PDB file of N, CA and C in Angstrom:
ATOM      1  N   MET A   1     -96.605  47.774 -11.651  1.00  0.00           N
ATOM      2  CA  MET A   1     -96.426  48.546 -10.449  1.00  0.00           C
ATOM      3  C   MET A   1     -95.031  49.157 -10.436  1.00  0.00           C
ATOM      4  N   THR A   2     -94.930  50.300  -9.876  1.00  0.00           N
ATOM      5  CA  THR A   2     -93.651  50.990  -9.783  1.00  0.00           C
ATOM      6  C   THR A   2     -92.604  50.131  -9.108  1.00  0.00           C
ATOM      7  N   GLN A   3     -92.954  49.534  -7.999  1.00  0.00           N
ATOM      8  CA  GLN A   3     -91.990  48.751  -7.233  1.00  0.00           C
ATOM      9  C   GLN A   3     -91.522  47.540  -8.015  1.00  0.00           C
ATOM     10  N   ASP A   4     -92.311  47.064  -8.967  1.00  0.00           N
ATOM     11  CA  ASP A   4     -91.921  45.915  -9.777  1.00  0.00           C
ATOM     12  C   ASP A   4     -90.766  46.252 -10.710  1.00  0.00           C
ATOM     13  N   ARG A   5     -90.673  47.481 -11.142  1.00  0.00           N
ATOM     14  CA  ARG A   5     -89.691  47.851 -12.159  1.00  0.00           C
ATOM     15  C   ARG A   5     -88.560  48.742 -11.670  1.00  0.00           C
ATOM     16  N   VAL A   6     -88.833  49.645 -10.764  1.00  0.00           N
ATOM     17  CA  VAL A   6     -87.796  50.598 -10.363  1.00  0.00           C
ATOM     18  C   VAL A   6     -87.362  50.448  -8.906  1.00  0.00           C
ATOM     19  N   ASP A   7     -87.847  49.397  -8.249  1.00  0.00           N
ATOM     20  CA  ASP A   7     -87.472  49.135  -6.851  1.00  0.00           C
ATOM     21  C   ASP A   7     -87.661  50.344  -5.955  1.00  0.00           C
ATOM     22  N   SER A   8     -88.768  51.029  -6.147  1.00  0.00           N
ATOM     23  CA  SER A   8     -89.069  52.214  -5.352  1.00  0.00           C
ATOM     24  C   SER A   8     -90.575  52.347  -5.240  1.00  0.00           C
ATOM     25  N   GLY A   9     -91.022  52.966  -4.177  1.00  0.00           N
ATOM     26  CA  GLY A   9     -92.439  53.240  -4.014  1.00  0.00           C
ATOM     27  C   GLY A   9     -92.864  54.524  -4.674  1.00  0.00           C
ATOM     28  N   ALA A  10     -91.923  55.223  -5.315  1.00  0.00           N
ATOM     29  CA  ALA A  10     -92.227  56.502  -5.952  1.00  0.00           C
ATOM     30  C   ALA A  10     -91.719  56.508  -7.389  1.00  0.00           C
ATOM     31  N   LEU A  11     -92.429  57.198  -8.245  1.00  0.00           N
ATOM     32  CA  LEU A  11     -92.052  57.314  -9.647  1.00  0.00           C
ATOM     33  C   LEU A  11     -92.305  58.737 -10.104  1.00  0.00           C
ATOM     34  N   SER A  12     -91.283  59.356 -10.660  1.00  0.00           N
ATOM     35  CA  SER A  12     -91.441  60.702 -11.216  1.00  0.00           C
ATOM     36  C   SER A  12     -92.089  60.589 -12.589  1.00  0.00           C
ATOM     37  N   ILE A  13     -93.319  61.089 -12.696  1.00  0.00           N
ATOM     38  CA  ILE A  13     -94.058  61.004 -13.958  1.00  0.00           C
ATOM     39  C   ILE A  13     -95.183  62.038 -13.938  1.00  0.00           C
ATOM     40  N   THR A  14     -95.426  62.642 -15.068  1.00  0.00           N
ATOM     41  CA  THR A  14     -96.489  63.647 -15.151  1.00  0.00           C
ATOM     42  C   THR A  14     -97.792  63.012 -15.635  1.00  0.00           C
ATOM     43  N   HIS A  15     -98.892  63.713 -15.406  1.00  0.00           N
ATOM     44  CA  HIS A  15    -100.186  63.259 -15.909  1.00  0.00           C
ATOM     45  C   HIS A  15    -100.152  63.168 -17.431  1.00  0.00           C
ATOM     46  N   ASP A  16     -99.537  64.162 -18.071  1.00  0.00           N
ATOM     47  CA  ASP A  16     -99.478  64.168 -19.535  1.00  0.00           C
ATOM     48  C   ASP A  16     -98.735  62.956 -20.077  1.00  0.00           C
ATOM     49  N   TYR A  17     -97.585  62.651 -19.486  1.00  0.00           N
ATOM     50  CA  TYR A  17     -96.793  61.518 -19.957  1.00  0.00           C
ATOM     51  C   TYR A  17     -97.538  60.207 -19.720  1.00  0.00           C
ATOM     52  N   LEU A  18     -98.131  60.056 -18.554  1.00  0.00           N
ATOM     53  CA  LEU A  18     -98.882  58.848 -18.238  1.00  0.00           C
ATOM     54  C   LEU A  18    -100.077  58.692 -19.187  1.00  0.00           C
ATOM     55  N   ALA A  19    -100.756  59.787 -19.498  1.00  0.00           N
ATOM     56  CA  ALA A  19    -101.881  59.751 -20.442  1.00  0.00           C
ATOM     57  C   ALA A  19    -101.408  59.287 -21.817  1.00  0.00           C
ATOM     58  N   THR A  20    -100.285  59.787 -22.257  1.00  0.00           N
ATOM     59  CA  THR A  20     -99.730  59.370 -23.552  1.00  0.00           C
ATOM     60  C   THR A  20     -99.414  57.882 -23.546  1.00  0.00           C
ATOM     61  N   MET A  21     -98.779  57.397 -22.473  1.00  0.00           N
ATOM     62  CA  MET A  21     -98.418  55.982 -22.385  1.00  0.00           C
ATOM     63  C   MET A  21     -99.661  55.090 -22.393  1.00  0.00           C
ATOM     64  N   LEU A  22    -100.737  55.551 -21.787  1.00  0.00           N
ATOM     65  CA  LEU A  22    -101.945  54.740 -21.668  1.00  0.00           C
ATOM     66  C   LEU A  22    -102.960  54.996 -22.785  1.00  0.00           C
ATOM     67  N   GLY A  23    -102.643  55.933 -23.667  1.00  0.00           N
ATOM     68  CA  GLY A  23    -103.537  56.216 -24.784  1.00  0.00           C
ATOM     69  C   GLY A  23    -104.830  56.884 -24.382  1.00  0.00           C
ATOM     70  N   THR A  24    -104.747  57.764 -23.405  1.00  0.00           N
ATOM     71  CA  THR A  24    -105.935  58.473 -22.941  1.00  0.00           C
ATOM     72  C   THR A  24    -105.611  59.958 -22.818  1.00  0.00           C
ATOM     73  N   ASP A  25    -106.444  60.711 -22.156  1.00  0.00           N
ATOM     74  CA  ASP A  25    -106.183  62.139 -21.991  1.00  0.00           C
ATOM     75  C   ASP A  25    -105.874  62.465 -20.525  1.00  0.00           C
ATOM     76  N   ARG A  26    -105.325  63.650 -20.329  1.00  0.00           N
ATOM     77  CA  ARG A  26    -104.901  64.079 -18.996  1.00  0.00           C
ATOM     78  C   ARG A  26    -106.052  64.118 -17.991  1.00  0.00           C
ATOM     79  N   PRO A  27    -107.245  64.616 -18.360  1.00  0.00           N
ATOM     80  CA  PRO A  27    -108.334  64.625 -17.382  1.00  0.00           C
ATOM     81  C   PRO A  27    -108.704  63.228 -16.875  1.00  0.00           C
ATOM     82  N   THR A  28    -108.601  62.213 -17.725  1.00  0.00           N
ATOM     83  CA  THR A  28    -108.897  60.848 -17.300  1.00  0.00           C
ATOM     84  C   THR A  28    -107.884  60.383 -16.261  1.00  0.00           C
ATOM     85  N   ILE A  29    -106.623  60.711 -16.476  1.00  0.00           N
ATOM     86  CA  ILE A  29    -105.567  60.357 -15.516  1.00  0.00           C
ATOM     87  C   ILE A  29    -105.821  61.085 -14.202  1.00  0.00           C
ATOM     88  N   SER A  30    -106.153  62.359 -14.283  1.00  0.00           N
ATOM     89  CA  SER A  30    -106.425  63.134 -13.074  1.00  0.00           C
ATOM     90  C   SER A  30    -107.592  62.540 -12.292  1.00  0.00           C
ATOM     91  N   LEU A  31    -108.646  62.128 -13.001  1.00  0.00           N
ATOM     92  CA  LEU A  31    -109.808  61.525 -12.352  1.00  0.00           C
ATOM     93  C   LEU A  31    -109.425  60.206 -11.666  1.00  0.00           C
ATOM     94  N   ALA A  32    -108.725  59.325 -12.391  1.00  0.00           N
ATOM     95  CA  ALA A  32    -108.318  58.037 -11.826  1.00  0.00           C
ATOM     96  C   ALA A  32    -107.367  58.226 -10.644  1.00  0.00           C
ATOM     97  N   ALA A  33    -106.408  59.130 -10.786  1.00  0.00           N
ATOM     98  CA  ALA A  33    -105.467  59.392  -9.693  1.00  0.00           C
ATOM     99  C   ALA A  33    -106.205  59.934  -8.468  1.00  0.00           C
ATOM    100  N   GLY A  34    -107.192  60.778  -8.701  1.00  0.00           N
ATOM    101  CA  GLY A  34    -107.978  61.320  -7.597  1.00  0.00           C
ATOM    102  C   GLY A  34    -108.723  60.235  -6.841  1.00  0.00           C
ATOM    103  N   ILE A  35    -109.291  59.289  -7.575  1.00  0.00           N
ATOM    104  CA  ILE A  35    -110.002  58.176  -6.941  1.00  0.00           C
ATOM    105  C   ILE A  35    -109.037  57.339  -6.106  1.00  0.00           C
ATOM    106  N   LEU A  36    -107.883  57.020  -6.678  1.00  0.00           N
ATOM    107  CA  LEU A  36    -106.884  56.214  -5.951  1.00  0.00           C
ATOM    108  C   LEU A  36    -106.345  56.961  -4.732  1.00  0.00           C
ATOM    109  N   GLN A  37    -106.221  58.282  -4.838  1.00  0.00           N
ATOM    110  CA  GLN A  37    -105.785  59.080  -3.687  1.00  0.00           C
ATOM    111  C   GLN A  37    -106.849  59.089  -2.604  1.00  0.00           C
ATOM    112  N   ASP A  38    -108.106  59.260  -3.002  1.00  0.00           N
ATOM    113  CA  ASP A  38    -109.200  59.263  -2.025  1.00  0.00           C
ATOM    114  C   ASP A  38    -109.268  57.952  -1.255  1.00  0.00           C
ATOM    115  N   LYS A  39    -108.904  56.867  -1.912  1.00  0.00           N
ATOM    116  CA  LYS A  39    -108.910  55.538  -1.282  1.00  0.00           C
ATOM    117  C   LYS A  39    -107.593  55.229  -0.568  1.00  0.00           C
ATOM    118  N   LYS A  40    -106.721  56.239  -0.504  1.00  0.00           N
ATOM    119  CA  LYS A  40    -105.440  56.145   0.219  1.00  0.00           C
ATOM    120  C   LYS A  40    -104.511  55.057  -0.345  1.00  0.00           C
ATOM    121  N   MET A  41    -104.590  54.820  -1.658  1.00  0.00           N
ATOM    122  CA  MET A  41    -103.711  53.845  -2.291  1.00  0.00           C
ATOM    123  C   MET A  41    -102.436  54.497  -2.820  1.00  0.00           C
ATOM    124  N   ILE A  42    -102.577  55.742  -3.288  1.00  0.00           N
ATOM    125  CA  ILE A  42    -101.429  56.475  -3.823  1.00  0.00           C
ATOM    126  C   ILE A  42    -101.473  57.921  -3.349  1.00  0.00           C
ATOM    127  N   GLU A  43    -100.344  58.577  -3.487  1.00  0.00           N
ATOM    128  CA  GLU A  43    -100.258  60.045  -3.432  1.00  0.00           C
ATOM    129  C   GLU A  43     -99.780  60.463  -4.804  1.00  0.00           C
ATOM    130  N   TYR A  44    -100.317  61.550  -5.313  1.00  0.00           N
ATOM    131  CA  TYR A  44     -99.906  62.005  -6.633  1.00  0.00           C
ATOM    132  C   TYR A  44     -99.661  63.512  -6.601  1.00  0.00           C
ATOM    133  N   PRO A  45     -98.608  63.912  -5.884  1.00  0.00           N
ATOM    134  CA  PRO A  45     -98.264  65.339  -5.940  1.00  0.00           C
ATOM    135  C   PRO A  45     -97.744  65.660  -7.341  1.00  0.00           C
ATOM    136  N   ARG A  46     -97.556  66.878  -7.621  1.00  0.00           N
ATOM    137  CA  ARG A  46     -97.132  67.305  -8.960  1.00  0.00           C
ATOM    138  C   ARG A  46     -95.901  66.535  -9.453  1.00  0.00           C
ATOM    139  N   GLY A  47     -96.084  65.803 -10.552  1.00  0.00           N
ATOM    140  CA  GLY A  47     -94.970  65.151 -11.226  1.00  0.00           C
ATOM    141  C   GLY A  47     -94.458  63.863 -10.610  1.00  0.00           C
ATOM    142  N   ALA A  48     -95.175  63.253  -9.695  1.00  0.00           N
ATOM    143  CA  ALA A  48     -94.703  62.007  -9.084  1.00  0.00           C
ATOM    144  C   ALA A  48     -95.887  61.194  -8.558  1.00  0.00           C
ATOM    145  N   VAL A  49     -95.700  59.892  -8.526  1.00  0.00           N
ATOM    146  CA  VAL A  49     -96.687  58.986  -7.938  1.00  0.00           C
ATOM    147  C   VAL A  49     -95.990  58.225  -6.822  1.00  0.00           C
ATOM    148  N   LYS A  50     -96.624  58.156  -5.662  1.00  0.00           N
ATOM    149  CA  LYS A  50     -96.085  57.401  -4.538  1.00  0.00           C
ATOM    150  C   LYS A  50     -97.128  56.380  -4.101  1.00  0.00           C
ATOM    151  N   ILE A  51     -96.709  55.123  -4.038  1.00  0.00           N
ATOM    152  CA  ILE A  51     -97.610  54.063  -3.612  1.00  0.00           C
ATOM    153  C   ILE A  51     -97.694  54.065  -2.088  1.00  0.00           C
ATOM    154  N   LEU A  52     -98.913  54.148  -1.573  1.00  0.00           N
ATOM    155  CA  LEU A  52     -99.129  54.147  -0.131  1.00  0.00           C
ATOM    156  C   LEU A  52     -99.572  52.775   0.380  1.00  0.00           C
ATOM    157  N   ASN A  53    -100.373  52.079  -0.423  1.00  0.00           N
ATOM    158  CA  ASN A  53    -100.893  50.782  -0.003  1.00  0.00           C
ATOM    159  C   ASN A  53    -100.878  49.833  -1.196  1.00  0.00           C
ATOM    160  N   ARG A  54     -99.755  49.129  -1.360  1.00  0.00           N
ATOM    161  CA  ARG A  54     -99.578  48.251  -2.511  1.00  0.00           C
ATOM    162  C   ARG A  54    -100.604  47.119  -2.529  1.00  0.00           C
ATOM    163  N   THR A  55    -100.876  46.523  -1.387  1.00  0.00           N
ATOM    164  CA  THR A  55    -101.821  45.409  -1.326  1.00  0.00           C
ATOM    165  C   THR A  55    -103.195  45.837  -1.821  1.00  0.00           C
ATOM    166  N   LYS A  56    -103.661  46.956  -1.331  1.00  0.00           N
ATOM    167  CA  LYS A  56    -104.974  47.465  -1.733  1.00  0.00           C
ATOM    168  C   LYS A  56    -104.979  47.835  -3.223  1.00  0.00           C
ATOM    169  N   LEU A  57    -103.887  48.400  -3.700  1.00  0.00           N
ATOM    170  CA  LEU A  57    -103.768  48.773  -5.104  1.00  0.00           C
ATOM    171  C   LEU A  57    -103.803  47.529  -5.996  1.00  0.00           C
ATOM    172  N   GLU A  58    -103.078  46.489  -5.607  1.00  0.00           N
ATOM    173  CA  GLU A  58    -103.083  45.236  -6.370  1.00  0.00           C
ATOM    174  C   GLU A  58    -104.482  44.615  -6.405  1.00  0.00           C
ATOM    175  N   ARG A  59    -105.178  44.649  -5.283  1.00  0.00           N
ATOM    176  CA  ARG A  59    -106.534  44.077  -5.226  1.00  0.00           C
ATOM    177  C   ARG A  59    -107.502  44.834  -6.134  1.00  0.00           C
ATOM    178  N   SER A  60    -107.251  46.109  -6.356  1.00  0.00           N
ATOM    179  CA  SER A  60    -108.145  46.902  -7.194  1.00  0.00           C
ATOM    180  C   SER A  60    -107.822  46.769  -8.683  1.00  0.00           C
ATOM    181  N   ALA A  61    -106.676  46.177  -9.005  1.00  0.00           N
ATOM    182  CA  ALA A  61    -106.272  45.996 -10.404  1.00  0.00           C
ATOM    183  C   ALA A  61    -107.038  44.835 -11.030  1.00  0.00           C
ATOM    184  N   CYS A  62    -107.071  44.817 -12.340  1.00  0.00           N
ATOM    185  CA  CYS A  62    -107.723  43.698 -13.028  1.00  0.00           C
ATOM    186  C   CYS A  62    -106.865  42.436 -12.904  1.00  0.00           C
ATOM    187  N   GLU A  63    -107.459  41.316 -13.292  1.00  0.00           N
ATOM    188  CA  GLU A  63    -106.745  40.041 -13.185  1.00  0.00           C
ATOM    189  C   GLU A  63    -105.515  39.979 -14.083  1.00  0.00           C
ATOM    190  N   CYS A  64    -105.410  40.868 -15.058  1.00  0.00           N
ATOM    191  CA  CYS A  64    -104.265  40.849 -15.965  1.00  0.00           C
ATOM    192  C   CYS A  64    -102.959  41.149 -15.227  1.00  0.00           C
ATOM    193  N   TYR A  65    -103.012  41.900 -14.127  1.00  0.00           N
ATOM    194  CA  TYR A  65    -101.783  42.180 -13.371  1.00  0.00           C
ATOM    195  C   TYR A  65    -101.164  40.887 -12.861  1.00  0.00           C
ATOM    196  N   GLY A  66    -101.961  40.007 -12.285  1.00  0.00           N
ATOM    197  CA  GLY A  66    -101.455  38.733 -11.786  1.00  0.00           C
ATOM    198  C   GLY A  66    -100.899  37.858 -12.896  1.00  0.00           C
ATOM    199  N   ILE A  67    -101.565  37.869 -14.041  1.00  0.00           N
ATOM    200  CA  ILE A  67    -101.110  37.081 -15.190  1.00  0.00           C
ATOM    201  C   ILE A  67     -99.770  37.605 -15.695  1.00  0.00           C
ATOM    202  N   ILE A  68     -99.641  38.916 -15.780  1.00  0.00           N
ATOM    203  CA  ILE A  68     -98.373  39.523 -16.218  1.00  0.00           C
ATOM    204  C   ILE A  68     -97.258  39.181 -15.244  1.00  0.00           C
ATOM    205  N   GLN A  69     -97.545  39.247 -13.949  1.00  0.00           N
ATOM    206  CA  GLN A  69     -96.534  38.907 -12.939  1.00  0.00           C
ATOM    207  C   GLN A  69     -96.101  37.447 -13.078  1.00  0.00           C
ATOM    208  N   GLN A  70     -97.052  36.572 -13.323  1.00  0.00           N
ATOM    209  CA  GLN A  70     -96.730  35.153 -13.489  1.00  0.00           C
ATOM    210  C   GLN A  70     -95.845  34.944 -14.717  1.00  0.00           C
ATOM    211  N   LEU A  71     -96.200  35.565 -15.830  1.00  0.00           N
ATOM    212  CA  LEU A  71     -95.399  35.439 -17.046  1.00  0.00           C
ATOM    213  C   LEU A  71     -94.006  36.017 -16.867  1.00  0.00           C
ATOM    214  N   ASN A  72     -93.918  37.153 -16.186  1.00  0.00           N
ATOM    215  CA  ASN A  72     -92.607  37.751 -15.925  1.00  0.00           C
ATOM    216  C   ASN A  72     -91.742  36.803 -15.123  1.00  0.00           C
ATOM    217  N   GLY A  73     -92.335  36.138 -14.130  1.00  0.00           N
ATOM    218  CA  GLY A  73     -91.596  35.171 -13.322  1.00  0.00           C
ATOM    219  C   GLY A  73     -91.095  34.002 -14.159  1.00  0.00           C
ATOM    220  N   GLU A  74     -91.941  33.522 -15.052  1.00  0.00           N
ATOM    221  CA  GLU A  74     -91.559  32.414 -15.923  1.00  0.00           C
ATOM    222  C   GLU A  74     -90.432  32.811 -16.872  1.00  0.00           C
ATOM    223  N   LEU A  75     -90.386  34.080 -17.244  1.00  0.00           N
ATOM    224  CA  LEU A  75     -89.339  34.572 -18.135  1.00  0.00           C
ATOM    225  C   LEU A  75     -88.085  35.027 -17.387  1.00  0.00           C
ATOM    226  N   GLY A  76     -88.155  34.972 -16.065  1.00  0.00           N
ATOM    227  CA  GLY A  76     -87.013  35.399 -15.253  1.00  0.00           C
ATOM    228  C   GLY A  76     -86.886  36.898 -15.122  1.00  0.00           C
ATOM    229  N   LEU A  77     -87.981  37.609 -15.379  1.00  0.00           N
ATOM    230  CA  LEU A  77     -87.986  39.061 -15.230  1.00  0.00           C
ATOM    231  C   LEU A  77     -88.483  39.420 -13.842  1.00  0.00           C
ATOM    232  N   LYS A  78     -88.242  40.660 -13.453  1.00  0.00           N
ATOM    233  CA  LYS A  78     -88.759  41.150 -12.189  1.00  0.00           C
ATOM    234  C   LYS A  78     -90.250  41.100 -12.174  1.00  0.00           C
TER     235      LYS A  78
END
């Protein structure tokens, strides 16, 4: 989550860059971002992502998010 790493509810990032990081294509990012926007979890204006409802976003994530958070805590990371 953005807030986990940059202490902000917003992150400047493009669809292209996010697609590259996730190993997918831009249309897939656009589709996923659109779904999350429709559910009022994020806003994704051009070049930025803003988290609107972190709790709802976390609940929609896979169980790996919780595991990563637990491991980060054990390692003393954010």
